[in-house]
């Protein structure tokens, strides 16, 4: 409102053109990418937009450009995992921040069930978003197959198993990070190192197990491996099974921090001290790593950079560039649990 209390009229392209001393067509070209506009006219229009307070009508712009000017953050997991797994919220916040800097909103979509996935694919396929940040992908995923078949720009978080040559991705070095953690436990003098894996249909599940296996070499023992699903409850169940199967174990590497936290509860209940009797290592460096007692040694994933790189690569694909892949190192964070 102005000083008289009367609502101010929303500035239009005509107002911007008048302030810049150019035609409305020139203003429209600037708003829609700046093509075929001289540097002088571009600067004048940008200054006029600033001084008039003009805001782009995104609906009208979408009709011109054929784009939705928004991106989907897609989690193909049960809804409760959005709140249970802290990694998802960190990635969501990072992606939203990166897109906000570009004036683009982020649409959160959680599609864990087949019905939810069908609805999501219909919405995305109708062009309501320009592309998809796929946060969780599983081998044989019908969602990933449909995104590819519909030619929807997509960047995955982690290697998209089975679609590595068709879908770009940003991933932490799961294999190298697992080798580093396993080596750390060996260097701590541990001889019977167990592992609680992630799901075997995920890249982290497969590659972290492979890194553990490679680092142990001839010392690898299948009886010291139990599979989990990245939840705290699965870490509890896996640790219980490991103690029954191999009570002589002296270290545990859990493929994420939530499972490590669950394992530590079981060890405490069994009277096993950490790290005195059993050393425990995790993966992620999630918030839970410093809430457990003792604090957890883990592999830090650079989540903020992962989300920033995902946004960058996705917008490149939206602009017509080829998909790319980025692998970022995970770093060892040593705390009291080892």
C-alpha atoms as a PDB file:
ATOM      1  CA  UNK A   1       0.000   0.000   0.000  1.00  0.00           C
ATOM      2  CA  UNK A   2       1.060   3.630  -0.442  1.00  0.00           C
ATOM      3  CA  UNK A   3       0.942   6.284   2.295  1.00  0.00           C
ATOM      4  CA  UNK A   4      -2.793   6.894   1.708  1.00  0.00           C
ATOM      5  CA  UNK A   5      -3.635   3.284   2.483  1.00  0.00           C
ATOM      6  CA  UNK A   6      -4.628   2.524  -1.117  1.00  0.00           C
ATOM      7  CA  UNK A   7      -3.208  -0.765  -2.464  1.00  0.00           C
ATOM      8  CA  UNK A   8      -0.436  -0.157  -4.968  1.00  0.00           C
ATOM      9  CA  UNK A   9      -0.944  -1.434  -8.507  1.00  0.00           C
ATOM     10  CA  UNK A  10       1.340  -4.316  -9.395  1.00  0.00           C
ATOM     11  CA  UNK A  11       4.033  -3.159 -11.859  1.00  0.00           C
ATOM     12  CA  UNK A  12       3.617  -4.491 -15.402  1.00  0.00           C
ATOM     13  CA  UNK A  13       5.895  -5.068 -18.391  1.00  0.00           C
ATOM     14  CA  UNK A  14       4.611  -1.750 -19.746  1.00  0.00           C
ATOM     15  CA  UNK A  15       5.930   0.018 -16.613  1.00  0.00           C
ATOM     16  CA  UNK A  16       9.312  -1.678 -16.935  1.00  0.00           C
ATOM     17  CA  UNK A  17       9.529  -0.760 -20.629  1.00  0.00           C
ATOM     18  CA  UNK A  18       8.705   2.877 -19.893  1.00  0.00           C
ATOM     19  CA  UNK A  19      11.282   3.067 -17.096  1.00  0.00           C
ATOM     20  CA  UNK A  20      13.968   1.453 -19.266  1.00  0.00           C
ATOM     21  CA  UNK A  21      13.153   3.383 -22.431  1.00  0.00           C
ATOM     22  CA  UNK A  22      12.729   0.219 -24.490  1.00  0.00           C
ATOM     23  CA  UNK A  23       9.901  -1.680 -26.118  1.00  0.00           C
ATOM     24  CA  UNK A  24       7.744  -4.206 -24.320  1.00  0.00           C
ATOM     25  CA  UNK A  25       9.136  -6.843 -26.660  1.00  0.00           C
ATOM     26  CA  UNK A  26      12.647  -6.121 -25.423  1.00  0.00           C
ATOM     27  CA  UNK A  27      11.503  -6.474 -21.816  1.00  0.00           C
ATOM     28  CA  UNK A  28       9.847  -9.793 -22.675  1.00  0.00           C
ATOM     29  CA  UNK A  29      13.040 -11.095 -24.277  1.00  0.00           C
ATOM     30  CA  UNK A  30      15.050 -10.157 -21.192  1.00  0.00           C
ATOM     31  CA  UNK A  31      12.586 -11.909 -18.884  1.00  0.00           C
ATOM     32  CA  UNK A  32      12.705 -15.041 -21.018  1.00  0.00           C
ATOM     33  CA  UNK A  33      16.454 -15.422 -21.179  1.00  0.00           C
ATOM     34  CA  UNK A  34      17.984 -12.242 -22.570  1.00  0.00           C
ATOM     35  CA  UNK A  35      18.477 -13.572 -26.129  1.00  0.00           C
ATOM     36  CA  UNK A  36      18.852 -11.008 -28.947  1.00  0.00           C
ATOM     37  CA  UNK A  37      19.127  -8.108 -26.500  1.00  0.00           C
ATOM     38  CA  UNK A  38      22.040  -5.665 -26.502  1.00  0.00           C
ATOM     39  CA  UNK A  39      24.124  -5.373 -23.313  1.00  0.00           C
ATOM     40  CA  UNK A  40      22.933  -1.772 -22.885  1.00  0.00           C
ATOM     41  CA  UNK A  41      19.255  -2.676 -23.186  1.00  0.00           C
ATOM     42  CA  UNK A  42      19.733  -5.681 -20.889  1.00  0.00           C
ATOM     43  CA  UNK A  43      21.278  -3.491 -18.197  1.00  0.00           C
ATOM     44  CA  UNK A  44      18.540  -0.877 -18.561  1.00  0.00           C
ATOM     45  CA  UNK A  45      15.762  -3.455 -18.253  1.00  0.00           C
ATOM     46  CA  UNK A  46      17.362  -5.137 -15.246  1.00  0.00           C
ATOM     47  CA  UNK A  47      17.662  -1.792 -13.483  1.00  0.00           C
ATOM     48  CA  UNK A  48      14.052  -0.936 -14.348  1.00  0.00           C
ATOM     49  CA  UNK A  49      12.876  -4.266 -12.948  1.00  0.00           C
ATOM     50  CA  UNK A  50      14.724  -3.469  -9.733  1.00  0.00           C
ATOM     51  CA  UNK A  51      13.385   0.080  -9.381  1.00  0.00           C
ATOM     52  CA  UNK A  52       9.778  -0.709 -10.319  1.00  0.00           C
ATOM     53  CA  UNK A  53       9.614  -3.863  -8.190  1.00  0.00           C
ATOM     54  CA  UNK A  54       8.307  -5.877 -11.123  1.00  0.00           C
ATOM     55  CA  UNK A  55       7.740  -9.591 -10.408  1.00  0.00           C
ATOM     56  CA  UNK A  56       7.536 -12.148 -13.174  1.00  0.00           C
ATOM     57  CA  UNK A  57       4.158 -13.794 -13.693  1.00  0.00           C
ATOM     58  CA  UNK A  58       5.401 -17.364 -13.594  1.00  0.00           C
ATOM     59  CA  UNK A  59       2.222 -18.800 -15.099  1.00  0.00           C
ATOM     60  CA  UNK A  60       2.489 -16.499 -18.092  1.00  0.00           C
ATOM     61  CA  UNK A  61       6.193 -17.178 -18.377  1.00  0.00           C
ATOM     62  CA  UNK A  62       5.557 -20.924 -18.340  1.00  0.00           C
ATOM     63  CA  UNK A  63       3.158 -20.540 -21.259  1.00  0.00           C
ATOM     64  CA  UNK A  64       5.897 -18.776 -23.230  1.00  0.00           C
ATOM     65  CA  UNK A  65       8.870 -20.957 -22.290  1.00  0.00           C
ATOM     66  CA  UNK A  66       7.099 -24.293 -21.972  1.00  0.00           C
ATOM     67  CA  UNK A  67       8.707 -24.789 -18.558  1.00  0.00           C
ATOM     68  CA  UNK A  68       7.235 -25.124 -15.100  1.00  0.00           C
ATOM     69  CA  UNK A  69      10.130 -23.276 -13.417  1.00  0.00           C
ATOM     70  CA  UNK A  70      10.087 -25.765 -10.542  1.00  0.00           C
ATOM     71  CA  UNK A  71      11.869 -28.977  -9.581  1.00  0.00           C
ATOM     72  CA  UNK A  72      10.689 -32.091  -7.715  1.00  0.00           C
ATOM     73  CA  UNK A  73      12.567 -33.570  -4.774  1.00  0.00           C
ATOM     74  CA  UNK A  74      11.438 -37.186  -5.045  1.00  0.00           C
ATOM     75  CA  UNK A  75      11.778 -39.687  -2.223  1.00  0.00           C
ATOM     76  CA  UNK A  76      10.624 -43.188  -3.189  1.00  0.00           C
ATOM     77  CA  UNK A  77      10.484 -44.456   0.379  1.00  0.00           C
ATOM     78  CA  UNK A  78       7.743 -44.820   3.016  1.00  0.00           C
ATOM     79  CA  UNK A  79       6.766 -41.423   4.392  1.00  0.00           C
ATOM     80  CA  UNK A  80       8.035 -42.068   7.908  1.00  0.00           C
ATOM     81  CA  UNK A  81      11.611 -42.339   6.626  1.00  0.00           C
ATOM     82  CA  UNK A  82      11.510 -38.670   5.598  1.00  0.00           C
ATOM     83  CA  UNK A  83      11.453 -37.858   9.312  1.00  0.00           C
ATOM     84  CA  UNK A  84      13.450 -40.818  10.648  1.00  0.00           C
ATOM     85  CA  UNK A  85      16.468 -40.594   8.345  1.00  0.00           C
ATOM     86  CA  UNK A  86      18.191 -37.225   8.932  1.00  0.00           C
ATOM     87  CA  UNK A  87      20.049 -37.386   5.625  1.00  0.00           C
ATOM     88  CA  UNK A  88      16.881 -36.729   3.655  1.00  0.00           C
ATOM     89  CA  UNK A  89      16.097 -33.479   5.453  1.00  0.00           C
ATOM     90  CA  UNK A  90      19.674 -32.234   4.988  1.00  0.00           C
ATOM     91  CA  UNK A  91      19.513 -32.935   1.252  1.00  0.00           C
ATOM     92  CA  UNK A  92      16.067 -31.324   1.037  1.00  0.00           C
ATOM     93  CA  UNK A  93      17.235 -28.158   2.777  1.00  0.00           C
ATOM     94  CA  UNK A  94      20.356 -27.931   0.619  1.00  0.00           C
ATOM     95  CA  UNK A  95      18.456 -28.388  -2.641  1.00  0.00           C
ATOM     96  CA  UNK A  96      15.800 -25.848  -1.622  1.00  0.00           C
ATOM     97  CA  UNK A  97      18.485 -23.294  -0.791  1.00  0.00           C
ATOM     98  CA  UNK A  98      20.263 -23.793  -4.116  1.00  0.00           C
ATOM     99  CA  UNK A  99      17.048 -23.450  -6.094  1.00  0.00           C
ATOM    100  CA  UNK A 100      15.842 -20.441  -4.105  1.00  0.00           C
ATOM    101  CA  UNK A 101      19.016 -18.627  -5.147  1.00  0.00           C
ATOM    102  CA  UNK A 102      17.860 -19.197  -8.738  1.00  0.00           C
ATOM    103  CA  UNK A 103      14.277 -18.123  -8.074  1.00  0.00           C
ATOM    104  CA  UNK A 104      12.888 -21.640  -8.415  1.00  0.00           C
ATOM    105  CA  UNK A 105      10.651 -23.470  -5.925  1.00  0.00           C
ATOM    106  CA  UNK A 106      11.248 -27.072  -4.863  1.00  0.00           C
ATOM    107  CA  UNK A 107       8.332 -29.480  -4.734  1.00  0.00           C
ATOM    108  CA  UNK A 108       8.632 -32.298  -2.173  1.00  0.00           C
ATOM    109  CA  UNK A 109       7.160 -35.595  -3.372  1.00  0.00           C
ATOM    110  CA  UNK A 110       7.132 -38.760  -1.250  1.00  0.00           C
ATOM    111  CA  UNK A 111       6.056 -41.822  -3.195  1.00  0.00           C
ATOM    112  CA  UNK A 112       6.708 -45.041  -1.319  1.00  0.00           C
ATOM    113  CA  UNK A 113       3.773 -47.173  -2.471  1.00  0.00           C
ATOM    114  CA  UNK A 114       2.951 -48.238  -6.047  1.00  0.00           C
ATOM    115  CA  UNK A 115      -0.198 -46.081  -5.980  1.00  0.00           C
ATOM    116  CA  UNK A 116       1.761 -43.018  -4.836  1.00  0.00           C
ATOM    117  CA  UNK A 117       4.395 -43.662  -7.469  1.00  0.00           C
ATOM    118  CA  UNK A 118       1.778 -43.923 -10.208  1.00  0.00           C
ATOM    119  CA  UNK A 119       0.232 -40.608  -9.137  1.00  0.00           C
ATOM    120  CA  UNK A 120       3.642 -38.979  -8.960  1.00  0.00           C
ATOM    121  CA  UNK A 121       4.626 -40.170 -12.433  1.00  0.00           C
ATOM    122  CA  UNK A 122       1.384 -38.821 -13.844  1.00  0.00           C
ATOM    123  CA  UNK A 123       2.000 -35.430 -12.270  1.00  0.00           C
ATOM    124  CA  UNK A 124       5.641 -35.209 -13.288  1.00  0.00           C
ATOM    125  CA  UNK A 125       4.923 -36.568 -16.756  1.00  0.00           C
ATOM    126  CA  UNK A 126       2.313 -33.857 -17.309  1.00  0.00           C
ATOM    127  CA  UNK A 127       5.054 -31.241 -17.172  1.00  0.00           C
ATOM    128  CA  UNK A 128       4.292 -29.733 -13.774  1.00  0.00           C
ATOM    129  CA  UNK A 129       8.033 -29.750 -12.955  1.00  0.00           C
ATOM    130  CA  UNK A 130      11.085 -29.268 -15.135  1.00  0.00           C
ATOM    131  CA  UNK A 131      13.028 -32.141 -13.637  1.00  0.00           C
ATOM    132  CA  UNK A 132      13.464 -34.545 -10.747  1.00  0.00           C
ATOM    133  CA  UNK A 133      16.042 -34.853  -7.988  1.00  0.00           C
ATOM    134  CA  UNK A 134      15.743 -38.564  -7.220  1.00  0.00           C
ATOM    135  CA  UNK A 135      16.898 -39.018  -3.638  1.00  0.00           C
ATOM    136  CA  UNK A 136      16.499 -42.757  -3.196  1.00  0.00           C
ATOM    137  CA  UNK A 137      16.755 -45.293  -5.973  1.00  0.00           C
ATOM    138  CA  UNK A 138      16.663 -49.068  -5.867  1.00  0.00           C
ATOM    139  CA  UNK A 139      17.827 -51.610  -8.416  1.00  0.00           C
ATOM    140  CA  UNK A 140      14.930 -52.555 -10.687  1.00  0.00           C
ATOM    141  CA  UNK A 141      12.994 -49.425  -9.679  1.00  0.00           C
ATOM    142  CA  UNK A 142       9.925 -48.929 -11.908  1.00  0.00           C
ATOM    143  CA  UNK A 143      10.054 -45.220 -11.037  1.00  0.00           C
ATOM    144  CA  UNK A 144      13.512 -44.763 -12.501  1.00  0.00           C
ATOM    145  CA  UNK A 145      12.557 -46.807 -15.555  1.00  0.00           C
ATOM    146  CA  UNK A 146       9.492 -44.605 -16.158  1.00  0.00           C
ATOM    147  CA  UNK A 147      11.393 -41.355 -15.648  1.00  0.00           C
ATOM    148  CA  UNK A 148      13.872 -42.501 -18.280  1.00  0.00           C
ATOM    149  CA  UNK A 149      11.210 -43.733 -20.701  1.00  0.00           C
ATOM    150  CA  UNK A 150       9.310 -40.431 -20.421  1.00  0.00           C
ATOM    151  CA  UNK A 151      12.559 -38.514 -20.994  1.00  0.00           C
ATOM    152  CA  UNK A 152      12.107 -36.496 -17.789  1.00  0.00           C
ATOM    153  CA  UNK A 153      15.329 -34.733 -16.741  1.00  0.00           C
ATOM    154  CA  UNK A 154      16.536 -36.605 -13.662  1.00  0.00           C
ATOM    155  CA  UNK A 155      19.596 -36.568 -11.428  1.00  0.00           C
ATOM    156  CA  UNK A 156      19.960 -39.299  -8.809  1.00  0.00           C
ATOM    157  CA  UNK A 157      21.515 -39.152  -5.383  1.00  0.00           C
ATOM    158  CA  UNK A 158      23.823 -42.156  -5.514  1.00  0.00           C
ATOM    159  CA  UNK A 159      24.563 -44.363  -8.492  1.00  0.00           C
ATOM    160  CA  UNK A 160      21.278 -45.270 -10.265  1.00  0.00           C
ATOM    161  CA  UNK A 161      21.816 -49.027 -10.462  1.00  0.00           C
ATOM    162  CA  UNK A 162      21.001 -50.336 -13.924  1.00  0.00           C
ATOM    163  CA  UNK A 163      20.742 -46.829 -15.406  1.00  0.00           C
ATOM    164  CA  UNK A 164      24.285 -45.556 -14.919  1.00  0.00           C
ATOM    165  CA  UNK A 165      24.662 -44.646 -18.583  1.00  0.00           C
ATOM    166  CA  UNK A 166      21.258 -42.950 -18.869  1.00  0.00           C
ATOM    167  CA  UNK A 167      20.818 -40.943 -15.667  1.00  0.00           C
ATOM    168  CA  UNK A 168      23.278 -38.508 -14.159  1.00  0.00           C
ATOM    169  CA  UNK A 169      24.073 -38.719 -10.480  1.00  0.00           C
ATOM    170  CA  UNK A 170      25.985 -37.303  -7.539  1.00  0.00           C
ATOM    171  CA  UNK A 171      27.363 -39.797  -5.041  1.00  0.00           C
ATOM    172  CA  UNK A 172      29.711 -40.057  -2.119  1.00  0.00           C
ATOM    173  CA  UNK A 173      32.549 -42.517  -2.598  1.00  0.00           C
ATOM    174  CA  UNK A 174      30.779 -45.418  -0.889  1.00  0.00           C
ATOM    175  CA  UNK A 175      33.379 -48.030  -1.757  1.00  0.00           C
ATOM    176  CA  UNK A 176      36.383 -45.915  -0.844  1.00  0.00           C
ATOM    177  CA  UNK A 177      34.718 -44.684   2.330  1.00  0.00           C
ATOM    178  CA  UNK A 178      33.951 -48.227   3.463  1.00  0.00           C
ATOM    179  CA  UNK A 179      37.544 -49.226   2.838  1.00  0.00           C
ATOM    180  CA  UNK A 180      38.724 -46.284   4.914  1.00  0.00           C
ATOM    181  CA  UNK A 181      36.477 -47.188   7.856  1.00  0.00           C
ATOM    182  CA  UNK A 182      37.444 -50.864   7.725  1.00  0.00           C
ATOM    183  CA  UNK A 183      41.126 -49.946   7.559  1.00  0.00           C
ATOM    184  CA  UNK A 184      40.678 -47.652  10.564  1.00  0.00           C
ATOM    185  CA  UNK A 185      39.200 -50.502  12.610  1.00  0.00           C
ATOM    186  CA  UNK A 186      42.025 -52.823  11.568  1.00  0.00           C
ATOM    187  CA  UNK A 187      44.581 -50.195  12.560  1.00  0.00           C
ATOM    188  CA  UNK A 188      42.881 -49.998  15.949  1.00  0.00           C
ATOM    189  CA  UNK A 189      43.901 -53.631  16.431  1.00  0.00           C
ATOM    190  CA  UNK A 190      40.472 -55.173  15.752  1.00  0.00           C
ATOM    191  CA  UNK A 191      40.576 -58.691  14.319  1.00  0.00           C
ATOM    192  CA  UNK A 192      36.945 -59.823  14.051  1.00  0.00           C
ATOM    193  CA  UNK A 193      35.203 -56.916  12.373  1.00  0.00           C
ATOM    194  CA  UNK A 194      31.516 -57.436  11.654  1.00  0.00           C
ATOM    195  CA  UNK A 195      29.422 -55.442   9.201  1.00  0.00           C
ATOM    196  CA  UNK A 196      25.772 -54.393   9.177  1.00  0.00           C
ATOM    197  CA  UNK A 197      25.043 -53.580   5.535  1.00  0.00           C
ATOM    198  CA  UNK A 198      22.448 -51.389   3.908  1.00  0.00           C
ATOM    199  CA  UNK A 199      19.853 -52.857   1.518  1.00  0.00           C
ATOM    200  CA  UNK A 200      21.449 -54.808  -1.297  1.00  0.00           C
ATOM    201  CA  UNK A 201      19.277 -53.128  -3.930  1.00  0.00           C
ATOM    202  CA  UNK A 202      20.821 -49.722  -3.159  1.00  0.00           C
ATOM    203  CA  UNK A 203      24.217 -48.416  -4.287  1.00  0.00           C
ATOM    204  CA  UNK A 204      25.296 -47.665  -0.722  1.00  0.00           C
ATOM    205  CA  UNK A 205      24.312 -51.127   0.424  1.00  0.00           C
ATOM    206  CA  UNK A 206      26.291 -52.842  -2.315  1.00  0.00           C
ATOM    207  CA  UNK A 207      29.347 -50.603  -2.488  1.00  0.00           C
ATOM    208  CA  UNK A 208      29.937 -50.231   1.249  1.00  0.00           C
ATOM    209  CA  UNK A 209      29.843 -53.997   1.615  1.00  0.00           C
ATOM    210  CA  UNK A 210      32.237 -54.340  -1.323  1.00  0.00           C
ATOM    211  CA  UNK A 211      34.633 -51.813   0.207  1.00  0.00           C
ATOM    212  CA  UNK A 212      34.592 -53.712   3.508  1.00  0.00           C
ATOM    213  CA  UNK A 213      35.194 -56.979   1.642  1.00  0.00           C
ATOM    214  CA  UNK A 214      38.038 -55.552  -0.432  1.00  0.00           C
ATOM    215  CA  UNK A 215      39.816 -54.044   2.550  1.00  0.00           C
ATOM    216  CA  UNK A 216      39.690 -57.280   4.559  1.00  0.00           C
ATOM    217  CA  UNK A 217      40.804 -59.407   1.609  1.00  0.00           C
ATOM    218  CA  UNK A 218      41.558 -62.957   2.759  1.00  0.00           C
ATOM    219  CA  UNK A 219      40.317 -62.104   6.260  1.00  0.00           C
ATOM    220  CA  UNK A 220      36.760 -61.547   5.033  1.00  0.00           C
ATOM    221  CA  UNK A 221      34.314 -63.812   6.881  1.00  0.00           C
ATOM    222  CA  UNK A 222      30.723 -64.142   5.638  1.00  0.00           C
ATOM    223  CA  UNK A 223      29.515 -65.098   9.116  1.00  0.00           C
ATOM    224  CA  UNK A 224      30.354 -61.580  10.304  1.00  0.00           C
ATOM    225  CA  UNK A 225      27.969 -59.913   7.820  1.00  0.00           C
ATOM    226  CA  UNK A 226      24.278 -59.213   8.488  1.00  0.00           C
ATOM    227  CA  UNK A 227      22.020 -57.146   6.232  1.00  0.00           C
ATOM    228  CA  UNK A 228      20.033 -54.150   7.463  1.00  0.00           C
ATOM    229  CA  UNK A 229      17.774 -51.555   5.831  1.00  0.00           C
ATOM    230  CA  UNK A 230      19.261 -48.288   7.156  1.00  0.00           C
ATOM    231  CA  UNK A 231      16.740 -47.995  10.016  1.00  0.00           C
ATOM    232  CA  UNK A 232      17.708 -47.939  13.680  1.00  0.00           C
ATOM    233  CA  UNK A 233      15.486 -50.978  14.273  1.00  0.00           C
ATOM    234  CA  UNK A 234      17.379 -53.007  11.662  1.00  0.00           C
ATOM    235  CA  UNK A 235      20.653 -52.103  13.378  1.00  0.00           C
ATOM    236  CA  UNK A 236      19.239 -53.430  16.631  1.00  0.00           C
ATOM    237  CA  UNK A 237      18.082 -56.666  15.019  1.00  0.00           C
ATOM    238  CA  UNK A 238      21.348 -57.154  13.126  1.00  0.00           C
ATOM    239  CA  UNK A 239      23.502 -56.578  16.209  1.00  0.00           C
ATOM    240  CA  UNK A 240      21.414 -59.076  18.168  1.00  0.00           C
ATOM    241  CA  UNK A 241      21.944 -61.662  15.435  1.00  0.00           C
ATOM    242  CA  UNK A 242      25.660 -60.958  15.238  1.00  0.00           C
ATOM    243  CA  UNK A 243      26.164 -61.437  18.983  1.00  0.00           C
ATOM    244  CA  UNK A 244      24.334 -64.746  18.847  1.00  0.00           C
ATOM    245  CA  UNK A 245      26.269 -65.897  15.788  1.00  0.00           C
ATOM    246  CA  UNK A 246      29.706 -64.485  16.586  1.00  0.00           C
ATOM    247  CA  UNK A 247      30.008 -63.522  20.269  1.00  0.00           C
ATOM    248  CA  UNK A 248      33.781 -63.177  19.757  1.00  0.00           C
ATOM    249  CA  UNK A 249      33.469 -60.122  17.459  1.00  0.00           C
ATOM    250  CA  UNK A 250      35.463 -57.074  18.550  1.00  0.00           C
ATOM    251  CA  UNK A 251      34.289 -54.417  16.066  1.00  0.00           C
ATOM    252  CA  UNK A 252      31.204 -53.500  14.028  1.00  0.00           C
ATOM    253  CA  UNK A 253      30.999 -51.311  10.929  1.00  0.00           C
ATOM    254  CA  UNK A 254      27.409 -50.237  10.281  1.00  0.00           C
ATOM    255  CA  UNK A 255      26.612 -48.869   6.824  1.00  0.00           C
ATOM    256  CA  UNK A 256      24.887 -45.836   8.316  1.00  0.00           C
ATOM    257  CA  UNK A 257      24.796 -44.005  11.629  1.00  0.00           C
ATOM    258  CA  UNK A 258      21.211 -44.918  12.514  1.00  0.00           C
ATOM    259  CA  UNK A 259      22.015 -48.633  12.370  1.00  0.00           C
ATOM    260  CA  UNK A 260      25.201 -48.017  14.360  1.00  0.00           C
ATOM    261  CA  UNK A 261      23.128 -46.268  17.037  1.00  0.00           C
ATOM    262  CA  UNK A 262      20.777 -49.253  17.201  1.00  0.00           C
ATOM    263  CA  UNK A 263      23.732 -51.620  17.460  1.00  0.00           C
ATOM    264  CA  UNK A 264      25.205 -49.646  20.361  1.00  0.00           C
ATOM    265  CA  UNK A 265      22.002 -50.066  22.383  1.00  0.00           C
ATOM    266  CA  UNK A 266      22.206 -53.847  21.973  1.00  0.00           C
ATOM    267  CA  UNK A 267      25.877 -53.885  22.921  1.00  0.00           C
ATOM    268  CA  UNK A 268      25.160 -51.888  26.080  1.00  0.00           C
ATOM    269  CA  UNK A 269      22.293 -54.206  27.034  1.00  0.00           C
ATOM    270  CA  UNK A 270      24.622 -57.189  26.526  1.00  0.00           C
ATOM    271  CA  UNK A 271      27.221 -55.678  28.852  1.00  0.00           C
ATOM    272  CA  UNK A 272      29.713 -55.021  26.036  1.00  0.00           C
ATOM    273  CA  UNK A 273      31.583 -51.744  26.440  1.00  0.00           C
ATOM    274  CA  UNK A 274      32.225 -49.446  23.454  1.00  0.00           C
ATOM    275  CA  UNK A 275      35.003 -49.212  22.427  1.00  0.00           C
ATOM    276  CA  UNK A 276      36.620 -51.399  25.126  1.00  0.00           C
ATOM    277  CA  UNK A 277      35.014 -54.674  24.079  1.00  0.00           C
ATOM    278  CA  UNK A 278      33.608 -53.710  20.681  1.00  0.00           C
ATOM    279  CA  UNK A 279      34.573 -50.750  18.492  1.00  0.00           C
ATOM    280  CA  UNK A 280      31.719 -49.268  16.421  1.00  0.00           C
ATOM    281  CA  UNK A 281      31.941 -47.275  13.194  1.00  0.00           C
ATOM    282  CA  UNK A 282      29.176 -45.739  11.089  1.00  0.00           C
ATOM    283  CA  UNK A 283      28.686 -43.897   7.824  1.00  0.00           C
ATOM    284  CA  UNK A 284      27.123 -40.452   7.085  1.00  0.00           C
ATOM    285  CA  UNK A 285      28.075 -38.245  10.068  1.00  0.00           C
ATOM    286  CA  UNK A 286      24.400 -37.588  10.757  1.00  0.00           C
ATOM    287  CA  UNK A 287      23.282 -35.727  13.861  1.00  0.00           C
ATOM    288  CA  UNK A 288      22.799 -38.982  15.760  1.00  0.00           C
ATOM    289  CA  UNK A 289      26.577 -39.539  15.667  1.00  0.00           C
ATOM    290  CA  UNK A 290      27.078 -37.022  18.476  1.00  0.00           C
ATOM    291  CA  UNK A 291      23.978 -37.900  20.497  1.00  0.00           C
ATOM    292  CA  UNK A 292      24.972 -41.503  21.197  1.00  0.00           C
ATOM    293  CA  UNK A 293      27.325 -42.345  24.053  1.00  0.00           C
ATOM    294  CA  UNK A 294      30.158 -42.654  23.285  1.00  0.00           C
ATOM    295  CA  UNK A 295      30.143 -40.370  20.244  1.00  0.00           C
ATOM    296  CA  UNK A 296      30.339 -42.273  16.988  1.00  0.00           C
ATOM    297  CA  UNK A 297      33.315 -42.584  14.667  1.00  0.00           C
ATOM    298  CA  UNK A 298      31.908 -42.338  11.154  1.00  0.00           C
ATOM    299  CA  UNK A 299      32.458 -41.436   7.507  1.00  0.00           C
ATOM    300  CA  UNK A 300      31.239 -37.925   6.724  1.00  0.00           C
ATOM    301  CA  UNK A 301      29.251 -37.486   3.545  1.00  0.00           C
ATOM    302  CA  UNK A 302      29.361 -33.914   2.138  1.00  0.00           C
ATOM    303  CA  UNK A 303      25.564 -33.618   1.962  1.00  0.00           C
ATOM    304  CA  UNK A 304      25.448 -29.869   1.307  1.00  0.00           C
ATOM    305  CA  UNK A 305      27.756 -30.225  -1.667  1.00  0.00           C
ATOM    306  CA  UNK A 306      25.899 -33.304  -2.890  1.00  0.00           C
ATOM    307  CA  UNK A 307      22.597 -31.399  -3.023  1.00  0.00           C
ATOM    308  CA  UNK A 308      24.252 -28.358  -4.641  1.00  0.00           C
ATOM    309  CA  UNK A 309      25.853 -30.517  -7.328  1.00  0.00           C
ATOM    310  CA  UNK A 310      22.574 -32.336  -7.949  1.00  0.00           C
ATOM    311  CA  UNK A 311      20.779 -29.049  -8.575  1.00  0.00           C
ATOM    312  CA  UNK A 312      23.561 -27.831 -10.872  1.00  0.00           C
ATOM    313  CA  UNK A 313      23.595 -31.022 -12.942  1.00  0.00           C
ATOM    314  CA  UNK A 314      19.798 -31.177 -13.167  1.00  0.00           C
ATOM    315  CA  UNK A 315      19.460 -27.615 -14.434  1.00  0.00           C
ATOM    316  CA  UNK A 316      22.123 -28.372 -17.036  1.00  0.00           C
ATOM    317  CA  UNK A 317      20.057 -31.334 -18.261  1.00  0.00           C
ATOM    318  CA  UNK A 318      16.926 -29.154 -18.320  1.00  0.00           C
ATOM    319  CA  UNK A 319      18.865 -26.718 -20.535  1.00  0.00           C
ATOM    320  CA  UNK A 320      19.604 -29.553 -22.959  1.00  0.00           C
ATOM    321  CA  UNK A 321      23.089 -30.605 -21.892  1.00  0.00           C
ATOM    322  CA  UNK A 322      24.133 -34.232 -21.477  1.00  0.00           C
ATOM    323  CA  UNK A 323      23.887 -35.911 -18.090  1.00  0.00           C
ATOM    324  CA  UNK A 324      27.008 -35.993 -15.949  1.00  0.00           C
ATOM    325  CA  UNK A 325      28.154 -37.877 -12.854  1.00  0.00           C
ATOM    326  CA  UNK A 326      30.059 -36.578  -9.844  1.00  0.00           C
ATOM    327  CA  UNK A 327      31.606 -38.692  -7.081  1.00  0.00           C
ATOM    328  CA  UNK A 328      32.665 -36.882  -3.908  1.00  0.00           C
ATOM    329  CA  UNK A 329      35.022 -38.209  -1.236  1.00  0.00           C
ATOM    330  CA  UNK A 330      33.786 -39.268   2.212  1.00  0.00           C
ATOM    331  CA  UNK A 331      36.074 -38.323   5.104  1.00  0.00           C
ATOM    332  CA  UNK A 332      36.825 -40.219   8.303  1.00  0.00           C
ATOM    333  CA  UNK A 333      35.673 -38.528  11.531  1.00  0.00           C
ATOM    334  CA  UNK A 334      37.260 -40.216  14.534  1.00  0.00           C
ATOM    335  CA  UNK A 335      35.372 -40.038  17.818  1.00  0.00           C
ATOM    336  CA  UNK A 336      35.217 -42.107  21.003  1.00  0.00           C
ATOM    337  CA  UNK A 337      33.437 -45.216  19.696  1.00  0.00           C
ATOM    338  CA  UNK A 338      36.627 -46.636  18.169  1.00  0.00           C
END
